[in-house]
Amino acid sequence: NIVKEIYGEDALLLAPGNDIAARV
């Protein structure tokens, strides 16, 4: 919710979530 509020929807790709290694 903070990512979307500050950075916008496109930034959600840059939020690794629970599986950090897989996203990196």
mmCIF file of all heavy atoms, coordinates in Angstrom:
data_MODEL
# 
_entry.id   MODEL 
# 
loop_
_atom_site.group_PDB 
_atom_site.id 
_atom_site.type_symbol 
_atom_site.label_atom_id 
_atom_site.label_alt_id 
_atom_site.label_comp_id 
_atom_site.label_asym_id 
_atom_site.label_entity_id 
_atom_site.label_seq_id 
_atom_site.pdbx_PDB_ins_code 
_atom_site.Cartn_x 
_atom_site.Cartn_y 
_atom_site.Cartn_z 
_atom_site.occupancy 
_atom_site.B_iso_or_equiv 
_atom_site.pdbx_formal_charge 
_atom_site.auth_seq_id 
_atom_site.auth_comp_id 
_atom_site.auth_asym_id 
_atom_site.auth_atom_id 
_atom_site.pdbx_PDB_model_num 
ATOM 1   N N   . ASN A 1 1  ? 0.823  -1.209  0.000   1.00 0.00 ? 1  ASN A N   1 
ATOM 2   C CA  . ASN A 1 1  ? 0.000  0.000   0.000   1.00 0.00 ? 1  ASN A CA  1 
ATOM 3   C C   . ASN A 1 1  ? 0.858  1.260   0.000   1.00 0.00 ? 1  ASN A C   1 
ATOM 4   O O   . ASN A 1 1  ? 0.511  2.270   -0.619  1.00 0.00 ? 1  ASN A O   1 
ATOM 5   C CB  . ASN A 1 1  ? -0.965 -0.001  1.190   1.00 0.00 ? 1  ASN A CB  1 
ATOM 6   C CG  . ASN A 1 1  ? -0.247 0.040   2.539   1.00 0.00 ? 1  ASN A CG  1 
ATOM 7   O OD1 . ASN A 1 1  ? 0.789  -0.599  2.719   1.00 0.00 ? 1  ASN A OD1 1 
ATOM 8   N ND2 . ASN A 1 1  ? -0.802 0.758   3.492   1.00 0.00 ? 1  ASN A ND2 1 
ATOM 9   N N   . ILE A 1 2  ? 2.020  1.203   0.668   1.00 0.00 ? 2  ILE A N   1 
ATOM 10  C CA  . ILE A 1 2  ? 2.926  2.350   0.674   1.00 0.00 ? 2  ILE A CA  1 
ATOM 11  C C   . ILE A 1 2  ? 3.598  2.487   -0.680  1.00 0.00 ? 2  ILE A C   1 
ATOM 12  O O   . ILE A 1 2  ? 3.772  3.596   -1.205  1.00 0.00 ? 2  ILE A O   1 
ATOM 13  C CB  . ILE A 1 2  ? 3.964  2.206   1.807   1.00 0.00 ? 2  ILE A CB  1 
ATOM 14  C CG1 . ILE A 1 2  ? 3.269  2.297   3.165   1.00 0.00 ? 2  ILE A CG1 1 
ATOM 15  C CG2 . ILE A 1 2  ? 5.057  3.267   1.687   1.00 0.00 ? 2  ILE A CG2 1 
ATOM 16  C CD1 . ILE A 1 2  ? 4.185  2.111   4.354   1.00 0.00 ? 2  ILE A CD1 1 
ATOM 17  N N   . VAL A 1 3  ? 3.985  1.357   -1.294  1.00 0.00 ? 3  VAL A N   1 
ATOM 18  C CA  . VAL A 1 3  ? 4.605  1.397   -2.618  1.00 0.00 ? 3  VAL A CA  1 
ATOM 19  C C   . VAL A 1 3  ? 3.669  2.059   -3.626  1.00 0.00 ? 3  VAL A C   1 
ATOM 20  O O   . VAL A 1 3  ? 4.051  2.968   -4.368  1.00 0.00 ? 3  VAL A O   1 
ATOM 21  C CB  . VAL A 1 3  ? 4.987  -0.024  -3.089  1.00 0.00 ? 3  VAL A CB  1 
ATOM 22  C CG1 . VAL A 1 3  ? 5.443  -0.002  -4.547  1.00 0.00 ? 3  VAL A CG1 1 
ATOM 23  C CG2 . VAL A 1 3  ? 6.092  -0.590  -2.204  1.00 0.00 ? 3  VAL A CG2 1 
ATOM 24  N N   . LYS A 1 4  ? 2.419  1.612   -3.658  1.00 0.00 ? 4  LYS A N   1 
ATOM 25  C CA  . LYS A 1 4  ? 1.464  2.172   -4.620  1.00 0.00 ? 4  LYS A CA  1 
ATOM 26  C C   . LYS A 1 4  ? 1.194  3.648   -4.342  1.00 0.00 ? 4  LYS A C   1 
ATOM 27  O O   . LYS A 1 4  ? 1.095  4.451   -5.276  1.00 0.00 ? 4  LYS A O   1 
ATOM 28  C CB  . LYS A 1 4  ? 0.153  1.381   -4.580  1.00 0.00 ? 4  LYS A CB  1 
ATOM 29  C CG  . LYS A 1 4  ? 0.254  0.005   -5.215  1.00 0.00 ? 4  LYS A CG  1 
ATOM 30  C CD  . LYS A 1 4  ? -1.101 -0.653  -5.380  1.00 0.00 ? 4  LYS A CD  1 
ATOM 31  C CE  . LYS A 1 4  ? -1.641 -1.126  -4.063  1.00 0.00 ? 4  LYS A CE  1 
ATOM 32  N NZ  . LYS A 1 4  ? -2.894 -1.930  -4.244  1.00 0.00 ? 4  LYS A NZ  1 
ATOM 33  N N   . GLU A 1 5  ? 1.083  4.012   -3.087  1.00 0.00 ? 5  GLU A N   1 
ATOM 34  C CA  . GLU A 1 5  ? 0.755  5.387   -2.726  1.00 0.00 ? 5  GLU A CA  1 
ATOM 35  C C   . GLU A 1 5  ? 1.876  6.353   -3.102  1.00 0.00 ? 5  GLU A C   1 
ATOM 36  O O   . GLU A 1 5  ? 1.612  7.440   -3.631  1.00 0.00 ? 5  GLU A O   1 
ATOM 37  C CB  . GLU A 1 5  ? 0.478  5.474   -1.224  1.00 0.00 ? 5  GLU A CB  1 
ATOM 38  C CG  . GLU A 1 5  ? 0.176  6.880   -0.729  1.00 0.00 ? 5  GLU A CG  1 
ATOM 39  C CD  . GLU A 1 5  ? -0.006 6.906   0.780   1.00 0.00 ? 5  GLU A CD  1 
ATOM 40  O OE1 . GLU A 1 5  ? -0.534 5.927   1.336   1.00 0.00 ? 5  GLU A OE1 1 
ATOM 41  O OE2 . GLU A 1 5  ? 0.388  7.905   1.384   1.00 0.00 ? 5  GLU A OE2 1 
ATOM 42  N N   . ILE A 1 6  ? 3.120  5.962   -2.860  1.00 0.00 ? 6  ILE A N   1 
ATOM 43  C CA  . ILE A 1 6  ? 4.249  6.871   -3.093  1.00 0.00 ? 6  ILE A CA  1 
ATOM 44  C C   . ILE A 1 6  ? 4.797  6.741   -4.514  1.00 0.00 ? 6  ILE A C   1 
ATOM 45  O O   . ILE A 1 6  ? 5.043  7.744   -5.196  1.00 0.00 ? 6  ILE A O   1 
ATOM 46  C CB  . ILE A 1 6  ? 5.379  6.604   -2.080  1.00 0.00 ? 6  ILE A CB  1 
ATOM 47  C CG1 . ILE A 1 6  ? 4.874  6.813   -0.650  1.00 0.00 ? 6  ILE A CG1 1 
ATOM 48  C CG2 . ILE A 1 6  ? 6.580  7.506   -2.367  1.00 0.00 ? 6  ILE A CG2 1 
ATOM 49  C CD1 . ILE A 1 6  ? 4.394  8.217   -0.352  1.00 0.00 ? 6  ILE A CD1 1 
ATOM 50  N N   . TYR A 1 7  ? 4.963  5.524   -4.991  1.00 0.00 ? 7  TYR A N   1 
ATOM 51  C CA  . TYR A 1 7  ? 5.702  5.289   -6.228  1.00 0.00 ? 7  TYR A CA  1 
ATOM 52  C C   . TYR A 1 7  ? 4.821  4.982   -7.435  1.00 0.00 ? 7  TYR A C   1 
ATOM 53  O O   . TYR A 1 7  ? 5.302  5.027   -8.565  1.00 0.00 ? 7  TYR A O   1 
ATOM 54  C CB  . TYR A 1 7  ? 6.675  4.124   -6.036  1.00 0.00 ? 7  TYR A CB  1 
ATOM 55  C CG  . TYR A 1 7  ? 7.683  4.330   -4.935  1.00 0.00 ? 7  TYR A CG  1 
ATOM 56  C CD1 . TYR A 1 7  ? 7.512  3.745   -3.683  1.00 0.00 ? 7  TYR A CD1 1 
ATOM 57  C CD2 . TYR A 1 7  ? 8.825  5.109   -5.152  1.00 0.00 ? 7  TYR A CD2 1 
ATOM 58  C CE1 . TYR A 1 7  ? 8.443  3.923   -2.679  1.00 0.00 ? 7  TYR A CE1 1 
ATOM 59  C CE2 . TYR A 1 7  ? 9.763  5.290   -4.142  1.00 0.00 ? 7  TYR A CE2 1 
ATOM 60  C CZ  . TYR A 1 7  ? 9.561  4.696   -2.908  1.00 0.00 ? 7  TYR A CZ  1 
ATOM 61  O OH  . TYR A 1 7  ? 10.484 4.871   -1.908  1.00 0.00 ? 7  TYR A OH  1 
ATOM 62  N N   . GLY A 1 8  ? 3.568  4.623   -7.210  1.00 0.00 ? 8  GLY A N   1 
ATOM 63  C CA  . GLY A 1 8  ? 2.696  4.277   -8.323  1.00 0.00 ? 8  GLY A CA  1 
ATOM 64  C C   . GLY A 1 8  ? 2.681  2.784   -8.612  1.00 0.00 ? 8  GLY A C   1 
ATOM 65  O O   . GLY A 1 8  ? 3.507  2.014   -8.116  1.00 0.00 ? 8  GLY A O   1 
ATOM 66  N N   . GLU A 1 9  ? 1.732  2.367   -9.437  1.00 0.00 ? 9  GLU A N   1 
ATOM 67  C CA  . GLU A 1 9  ? 1.509  0.948   -9.731  1.00 0.00 ? 9  GLU A CA  1 
ATOM 68  C C   . GLU A 1 9  ? 2.726  0.270   -10.359 1.00 0.00 ? 9  GLU A C   1 
ATOM 69  O O   . GLU A 1 9  ? 3.033  -0.888  -10.076 1.00 0.00 ? 9  GLU A O   1 
ATOM 70  C CB  . GLU A 1 9  ? 0.310  0.797   -10.665 1.00 0.00 ? 9  GLU A CB  1 
ATOM 71  C CG  . GLU A 1 9  ? -1.033 1.155   -10.037 1.00 0.00 ? 9  GLU A CG  1 
ATOM 72  C CD  . GLU A 1 9  ? -1.568 0.044   -9.150  1.00 0.00 ? 9  GLU A CD  1 
ATOM 73  O OE1 . GLU A 1 9  ? -1.058 -1.086  -9.248  1.00 0.00 ? 9  GLU A OE1 1 
ATOM 74  O OE2 . GLU A 1 9  ? -2.505 0.316   -8.379  1.00 0.00 ? 9  GLU A OE2 1 
ATOM 75  N N   . ASP A 1 10 ? 3.438  0.966   -11.256 1.00 0.00 ? 10 ASP A N   1 
ATOM 76  C CA  . ASP A 1 10 ? 4.572  0.352   -11.955 1.00 0.00 ? 10 ASP A CA  1 
ATOM 77  C C   . ASP A 1 10 ? 5.671  -0.081  -10.993 1.00 0.00 ? 10 ASP A C   1 
ATOM 78  O O   . ASP A 1 10 ? 6.446  -0.991  -11.299 1.00 0.00 ? 10 ASP A O   1 
ATOM 79  C CB  . ASP A 1 10 ? 5.142  1.320   -12.995 1.00 0.00 ? 10 ASP A CB  1 
ATOM 80  C CG  . ASP A 1 10 ? 4.158  1.577   -14.136 1.00 0.00 ? 10 ASP A CG  1 
ATOM 81  O OD1 . ASP A 1 10 ? 3.767  0.605   -14.798 1.00 0.00 ? 10 ASP A OD1 1 
ATOM 82  O OD2 . ASP A 1 10 ? 3.775  2.744   -14.326 1.00 0.00 ? 10 ASP A OD2 1 
ATOM 83  N N   . ALA A 1 11 ? 5.749  0.569   -9.835  1.00 0.00 ? 11 ALA A N   1 
ATOM 84  C CA  . ALA A 1 11 ? 6.814  0.258   -8.879  1.00 0.00 ? 11 ALA A CA  1 
ATOM 85  C C   . ALA A 1 11 ? 6.592  -1.061  -8.161  1.00 0.00 ? 11 ALA A C   1 
ATOM 86  O O   . ALA A 1 11 ? 7.517  -1.569  -7.515  1.00 0.00 ? 11 ALA A O   1 
ATOM 87  C CB  . ALA A 1 11 ? 6.934  1.389   -7.858  1.00 0.00 ? 11 ALA A CB  1 
ATOM 88  N N   . LEU A 1 12 ? 5.401  -1.638  -8.260  1.00 0.00 ? 12 LEU A N   1 
ATOM 89  C CA  . LEU A 1 12 ? 5.156  -2.918  -7.587  1.00 0.00 ? 12 LEU A CA  1 
ATOM 90  C C   . LEU A 1 12 ? 6.098  -4.012  -8.092  1.00 0.00 ? 12 LEU A C   1 
ATOM 91  O O   . LEU A 1 12 ? 6.400  -4.955  -7.364  1.00 0.00 ? 12 LEU A O   1 
ATOM 92  C CB  . LEU A 1 12 ? 3.702  -3.342  -7.764  1.00 0.00 ? 12 LEU A CB  1 
ATOM 93  C CG  . LEU A 1 12 ? 2.677  -2.525  -6.957  1.00 0.00 ? 12 LEU A CG  1 
ATOM 94  C CD1 . LEU A 1 12 ? 1.265  -2.893  -7.371  1.00 0.00 ? 12 LEU A CD1 1 
ATOM 95  C CD2 . LEU A 1 12 ? 2.873  -2.738  -5.459  1.00 0.00 ? 12 LEU A CD2 1 
ATOM 96  N N   . LEU A 1 13 ? 6.568  -3.880  -9.344  1.00 0.00 ? 13 LEU A N   1 
ATOM 97  C CA  . LEU A 1 13 ? 7.547  -4.844  -9.865  1.00 0.00 ? 13 LEU A CA  1 
ATOM 98  C C   . LEU A 1 13 ? 8.849  -4.806  -9.076  1.00 0.00 ? 13 LEU A C   1 
ATOM 99  O O   . LEU A 1 13 ? 9.601  -5.774  -9.042  1.00 0.00 ? 13 LEU A O   1 
ATOM 100 C CB  . LEU A 1 13 ? 7.844  -4.556  -11.335 1.00 0.00 ? 13 LEU A CB  1 
ATOM 101 C CG  . LEU A 1 13 ? 6.924  -5.174  -12.389 1.00 0.00 ? 13 LEU A CG  1 
ATOM 102 C CD1 . LEU A 1 13 ? 7.332  -4.685  -13.776 1.00 0.00 ? 13 LEU A CD1 1 
ATOM 103 C CD2 . LEU A 1 13 ? 6.972  -6.687  -12.321 1.00 0.00 ? 13 LEU A CD2 1 
ATOM 104 N N   . LEU A 1 14 ? 9.132  -3.673  -8.453  1.00 0.00 ? 14 LEU A N   1 
ATOM 105 C CA  . LEU A 1 14 ? 10.385 -3.486  -7.724  1.00 0.00 ? 14 LEU A CA  1 
ATOM 106 C C   . LEU A 1 14 ? 10.254 -3.877  -6.254  1.00 0.00 ? 14 LEU A C   1 
ATOM 107 O O   . LEU A 1 14 ? 11.213 -3.748  -5.500  1.00 0.00 ? 14 LEU A O   1 
ATOM 108 C CB  . LEU A 1 14 ? 10.835 -2.029  -7.831  1.00 0.00 ? 14 LEU A CB  1 
ATOM 109 C CG  . LEU A 1 14 ? 10.945 -1.489  -9.265  1.00 0.00 ? 14 LEU A CG  1 
ATOM 110 C CD1 . LEU A 1 14 ? 11.238 0.008   -9.251  1.00 0.00 ? 14 LEU A CD1 1 
ATOM 111 C CD2 . LEU A 1 14 ? 12.018 -2.242  -10.050 1.00 0.00 ? 14 LEU A CD2 1 
ATOM 112 N N   . ALA A 1 15 ? 9.073  -4.354  -5.862  1.00 0.00 ? 15 ALA A N   1 
ATOM 113 C CA  . ALA A 1 15 ? 8.845  -4.823  -4.492  1.00 0.00 ? 15 ALA A CA  1 
ATOM 114 C C   . ALA A 1 15 ? 8.936  -6.346  -4.489  1.00 0.00 ? 15 ALA A C   1 
ATOM 115 O O   . ALA A 1 15 ? 8.045  -7.025  -5.006  1.00 0.00 ? 15 ALA A O   1 
ATOM 116 C CB  . ALA A 1 15 ? 7.475  -4.361  -4.003  1.00 0.00 ? 15 ALA A CB  1 
ATOM 117 N N   . PRO A 1 16 ? 9.998  -6.941  -3.951  1.00 0.00 ? 16 PRO A N   1 
ATOM 118 C CA  . PRO A 1 16 ? 10.213 -8.394  -4.052  1.00 0.00 ? 16 PRO A CA  1 
ATOM 119 C C   . PRO A 1 16 ? 9.183  -9.249  -3.334  1.00 0.00 ? 16 PRO A C   1 
ATOM 120 O O   . PRO A 1 16 ? 9.049  -10.436 -3.633  1.00 0.00 ? 16 PRO A O   1 
ATOM 121 C CB  . PRO A 1 16 ? 11.604 -8.584  -3.430  1.00 0.00 ? 16 PRO A CB  1 
ATOM 122 C CG  . PRO A 1 16 ? 12.248 -7.248  -3.497  1.00 0.00 ? 16 PRO A CG  1 
ATOM 123 C CD  . PRO A 1 16 ? 11.142 -6.260  -3.344  1.00 0.00 ? 16 PRO A CD  1 
ATOM 124 N N   . GLY A 1 17 ? 8.474  -8.678  -2.365  1.00 0.00 ? 17 GLY A N   1 
ATOM 125 C CA  . GLY A 1 17 ? 7.487  -9.488  -1.649  1.00 0.00 ? 17 GLY A CA  1 
ATOM 126 C C   . GLY A 1 17 ? 8.144  -10.522 -0.751  1.00 0.00 ? 17 GLY A C   1 
ATOM 127 O O   . GLY A 1 17 ? 9.231  -10.305 -0.207  1.00 0.00 ? 17 GLY A O   1 
ATOM 128 N N   . ASN A 1 18 ? 7.519  -11.688 -0.621  1.00 0.00 ? 18 ASN A N   1 
ATOM 129 C CA  . ASN A 1 18 ? 8.010  -12.710 0.308   1.00 0.00 ? 18 ASN A CA  1 
ATOM 130 C C   . ASN A 1 18 ? 9.162  -13.541 -0.253  1.00 0.00 ? 18 ASN A C   1 
ATOM 131 O O   . ASN A 1 18 ? 9.952  -14.096 0.503   1.00 0.00 ? 18 ASN A O   1 
ATOM 132 C CB  . ASN A 1 18 ? 6.859  -13.639 0.710   1.00 0.00 ? 18 ASN A CB  1 
ATOM 133 C CG  . ASN A 1 18 ? 5.798  -12.917 1.519   1.00 0.00 ? 18 ASN A CG  1 
ATOM 134 O OD1 . ASN A 1 18 ? 6.117  -12.015 2.291   1.00 0.00 ? 18 ASN A OD1 1 
ATOM 135 N ND2 . ASN A 1 18 ? 4.542  -13.303 1.339   1.00 0.00 ? 18 ASN A ND2 1 
ATOM 136 N N   . ASP A 1 19 ? 9.253  -13.655 -1.568  1.00 0.00 ? 19 ASP A N   1 
ATOM 137 C CA  . ASP A 1 19 ? 10.321 -14.461 -2.172  1.00 0.00 ? 19 ASP A CA  1 
ATOM 138 C C   . ASP A 1 19 ? 11.359 -13.531 -2.796  1.00 0.00 ? 19 ASP A C   1 
ATOM 139 O O   . ASP A 1 19 ? 11.401 -13.310 -4.007  1.00 0.00 ? 19 ASP A O   1 
ATOM 140 C CB  . ASP A 1 19 ? 9.753  -15.415 -3.219  1.00 0.00 ? 19 ASP A CB  1 
ATOM 141 C CG  . ASP A 1 19 ? 10.720 -16.552 -3.551  1.00 0.00 ? 19 ASP A CG  1 
ATOM 142 O OD1 . ASP A 1 19 ? 11.923 -16.400 -3.250  1.00 0.00 ? 19 ASP A OD1 1 
ATOM 143 O OD2 . ASP A 1 19 ? 10.279 -17.570 -4.109  1.00 0.00 ? 19 ASP A OD2 1 
ATOM 144 N N   . ILE A 1 20 ? 12.205 -12.995 -1.946  1.00 0.00 ? 20 ILE A N   1 
ATOM 145 C CA  . ILE A 1 20 ? 13.169 -11.983 -2.387  1.00 0.00 ? 20 ILE A CA  1 
ATOM 146 C C   . ILE A 1 20 ? 14.164 -12.581 -3.371  1.00 0.00 ? 20 ILE A C   1 
ATOM 147 O O   . ILE A 1 20 ? 14.462 -11.977 -4.409  1.00 0.00 ? 20 ILE A O   1 
ATOM 148 C CB  . ILE A 1 20 ? 13.905 -11.396 -1.159  1.00 0.00 ? 20 ILE A CB  1 
ATOM 149 C CG1 . ILE A 1 20 ? 12.899 -10.723 -0.221  1.00 0.00 ? 20 ILE A CG1 1 
ATOM 150 C CG2 . ILE A 1 20 ? 14.970 -10.402 -1.600  1.00 0.00 ? 20 ILE A CG2 1 
ATOM 151 C CD1 . ILE A 1 20 ? 13.491 -10.301 1.105   1.00 0.00 ? 20 ILE A CD1 1 
ATOM 152 N N   . ALA A 1 21 ? 14.678 -13.768 -3.070  1.00 0.00 ? 21 ALA A N   1 
ATOM 153 C CA  . ALA A 1 21 ? 15.694 -14.379 -3.931  1.00 0.00 ? 21 ALA A CA  1 
ATOM 154 C C   . ALA A 1 21 ? 15.159 -14.616 -5.340  1.00 0.00 ? 21 ALA A C   1 
ATOM 155 O O   . ALA A 1 21 ? 15.840 -14.365 -6.331  1.00 0.00 ? 21 ALA A O   1 
ATOM 156 C CB  . ALA A 1 21 ? 16.189 -15.689 -3.317  1.00 0.00 ? 21 ALA A CB  1 
ATOM 157 N N   . ALA A 1 22 ? 13.915 -15.102 -5.441  1.00 0.00 ? 22 ALA A N   1 
ATOM 158 C CA  . ALA A 1 22 ? 13.332 -15.379 -6.759  1.00 0.00 ? 22 ALA A CA  1 
ATOM 159 C C   . ALA A 1 22 ? 13.168 -14.100 -7.557  1.00 0.00 ? 22 ALA A C   1 
ATOM 160 O O   . ALA A 1 22 ? 13.439 -14.073 -8.772  1.00 0.00 ? 22 ALA A O   1 
ATOM 161 C CB  . ALA A 1 22 ? 11.992 -16.086 -6.599  1.00 0.00 ? 22 ALA A CB  1 
ATOM 162 N N   . ARG A 1 23 ? 12.721 -13.006 -6.898  1.00 0.00 ? 23 ARG A N   1 
ATOM 163 C CA  . ARG A 1 23 ? 12.540 -11.753 -7.620  1.00 0.00 ? 23 ARG A CA  1 
ATOM 164 C C   . ARG A 1 23 ? 13.885 -11.177 -8.071  1.00 0.00 ? 23 ARG A C   1 
ATOM 165 O O   . ARG A 1 23 ? 14.003 -10.683 -9.188  1.00 0.00 ? 23 ARG A O   1 
ATOM 166 C CB  . ARG A 1 23 ? 11.796 -10.744 -6.742  1.00 0.00 ? 23 ARG A CB  1 
ATOM 167 C CG  . ARG A 1 23 ? 11.503 -9.409  -7.432  1.00 0.00 ? 23 ARG A CG  1 
ATOM 168 C CD  . ARG A 1 23 ? 10.648 -9.538  -8.680  1.00 0.00 ? 23 ARG A CD  1 
ATOM 169 N NE  . ARG A 1 23 ? 9.359  -10.127 -8.384  1.00 0.00 ? 23 ARG A NE  1 
ATOM 170 C CZ  . ARG A 1 23 ? 8.288  -9.416  -8.029  1.00 0.00 ? 23 ARG A CZ  1 
ATOM 171 N NH1 . ARG A 1 23 ? 8.367  -8.091  -7.941  1.00 0.00 ? 23 ARG A NH1 1 
ATOM 172 N NH2 . ARG A 1 23 ? 7.148  -10.020 -7.775  1.00 0.00 ? 23 ARG A NH2 1 
ATOM 173 N N   . VAL A 1 24 ? 14.888 -11.245 -7.214  1.00 0.00 ? 24 VAL A N   1 
ATOM 174 C CA  . VAL A 1 24 ? 16.216 -10.747 -7.592  1.00 0.00 ? 24 VAL A CA  1 
ATOM 175 C C   . VAL A 1 24 ? 16.775 -11.569 -8.749  1.00 0.00 ? 24 VAL A C   1 
ATOM 176 O O   . VAL A 1 24 ? 17.372 -11.016 -9.688  1.00 0.00 ? 24 VAL A O   1 
ATOM 177 C CB  . VAL A 1 24 ? 17.165 -10.766 -6.373  1.00 0.00 ? 24 VAL A CB  1 
ATOM 178 C CG1 . VAL A 1 24 ? 18.600 -10.475 -6.809  1.00 0.00 ? 24 VAL A CG1 1 
ATOM 179 C CG2 . VAL A 1 24 ? 16.716 -9.732  -5.333  1.00 0.00 ? 24 VAL A CG2 1 
# 
